[in-house]
Amino acid sequence: MTGAGGKHLYDPGFTDNPALWTHEDDSHADYVSRMITDRHSLTVFDVDGKRLTMAQIDEAGDEIDRIMITK
């Protein structure tokens, strides 16, 4: 299960506020490029030969993010 599949969601205001995505404990490391905090979702991986696709699907079945890596 990915971090978006848990019981409680972050404050929806986090979605459009990158300043809230970092923490002093990790020296405000900027490792998050997108955060959607207003809905639950799950991650689907698909491997097809040398291609790996990862998609994030929300609770309504809509794709909210996707990445493809080809070896």
Protein backbone atom coordinates (compact mmCIF):
# COMPACT_ATOMS: atom_id res chain seq x y z
CA MET A 1 0.00 0.00 0.00
CA THR A 2 1.27 3.45 -0.80
CA GLY A 3 1.15 6.45 1.50
CA ALA A 4 -2.10 7.65 -0.05
CA GLY A 5 -4.05 4.55 0.95
CA GLY A 6 -4.19 5.04 4.71
CA LYS A 7 -7.00 5.89 7.07
CA HIS A 8 -6.40 9.65 7.44
CA LEU A 9 -5.62 12.17 4.72
CA TYR A 10 -3.37 15.19 5.11
CA ASP A 11 -5.00 18.61 5.19
CA PRO A 12 -6.27 19.29 1.61
CA GLY A 13 -4.38 22.59 1.75
CA PHE A 14 -1.10 20.67 1.38
CA THR A 15 -1.91 19.88 -2.29
CA ASP A 16 -1.02 23.36 -3.55
CA ASN A 17 1.52 24.40 -0.91
CA PRO A 18 5.01 22.90 -1.48
CA ALA A 19 6.37 24.84 1.52
CA LEU A 20 4.46 22.40 3.75
CA TRP A 21 6.03 19.30 2.15
CA THR A 22 9.45 19.63 3.79
CA HIS A 23 10.51 19.23 7.41
CA GLU A 24 13.22 20.69 9.56
CA ASP A 25 14.13 17.17 10.79
CA ASP A 26 15.46 16.29 7.31
CA SER A 27 16.98 19.72 6.59
CA HIS A 28 13.97 20.63 4.41
CA ALA A 29 15.05 18.13 1.73
CA ASP A 30 13.12 18.87 -1.44
CA TYR A 31 12.29 15.33 -2.62
CA VAL A 32 8.56 15.64 -3.32
CA SER A 33 7.52 16.96 -6.73
CA ARG A 34 3.76 16.51 -6.34
CA MET A 35 1.46 15.85 -3.39
CA ILE A 36 -2.27 15.17 -3.64
CA THR A 37 -3.84 15.24 -0.21
CA ASP A 38 -7.57 15.49 -0.87
CA ARG A 39 -8.28 11.82 -1.75
CA HIS A 40 -7.12 8.26 -1.21
CA SER A 41 -5.32 6.43 -3.98
CA LEU A 42 -3.34 3.31 -4.81
CA THR A 43 -0.33 2.53 -6.96
CA VAL A 44 -0.46 0.14 -9.91
CA PHE A 45 2.74 -1.26 -11.47
CA ASP A 46 2.78 -2.81 -14.93
CA VAL A 47 5.84 -4.58 -16.33
CA ASP A 48 5.94 -5.25 -20.07
CA GLY A 49 9.30 -6.53 -21.24
CA LYS A 50 11.79 -3.73 -20.62
CA ARG A 51 9.10 -1.17 -19.76
CA LEU A 52 7.87 -0.43 -16.22
CA THR A 53 4.82 1.79 -15.80
CA MET A 54 3.64 3.11 -12.45
CA ALA A 55 0.23 4.77 -12.20
CA GLN A 56 -1.47 6.38 -9.21
CA ILE A 57 -5.23 5.76 -9.25
CA ASP A 58 -7.62 7.66 -6.99
CA GLU A 59 -10.65 6.30 -5.19
CA ALA A 60 -12.92 7.20 -8.14
CA GLY A 61 -10.73 5.16 -10.51
CA ASP A 62 -9.15 8.22 -12.14
CA GLU A 63 -5.44 8.24 -12.94
CA ILE A 64 -3.79 11.13 -11.11
CA ASP A 65 -0.16 10.44 -11.95
CA ARG A 66 1.92 8.15 -14.20
CA ILE A 67 5.57 7.44 -14.90
CA MET A 68 7.12 5.08 -17.44
CA ILE A 69 10.69 3.78 -17.37
CA THR A 70 12.24 1.85 -20.23
CA LYS A 71 15.43 -0.12 -19.70
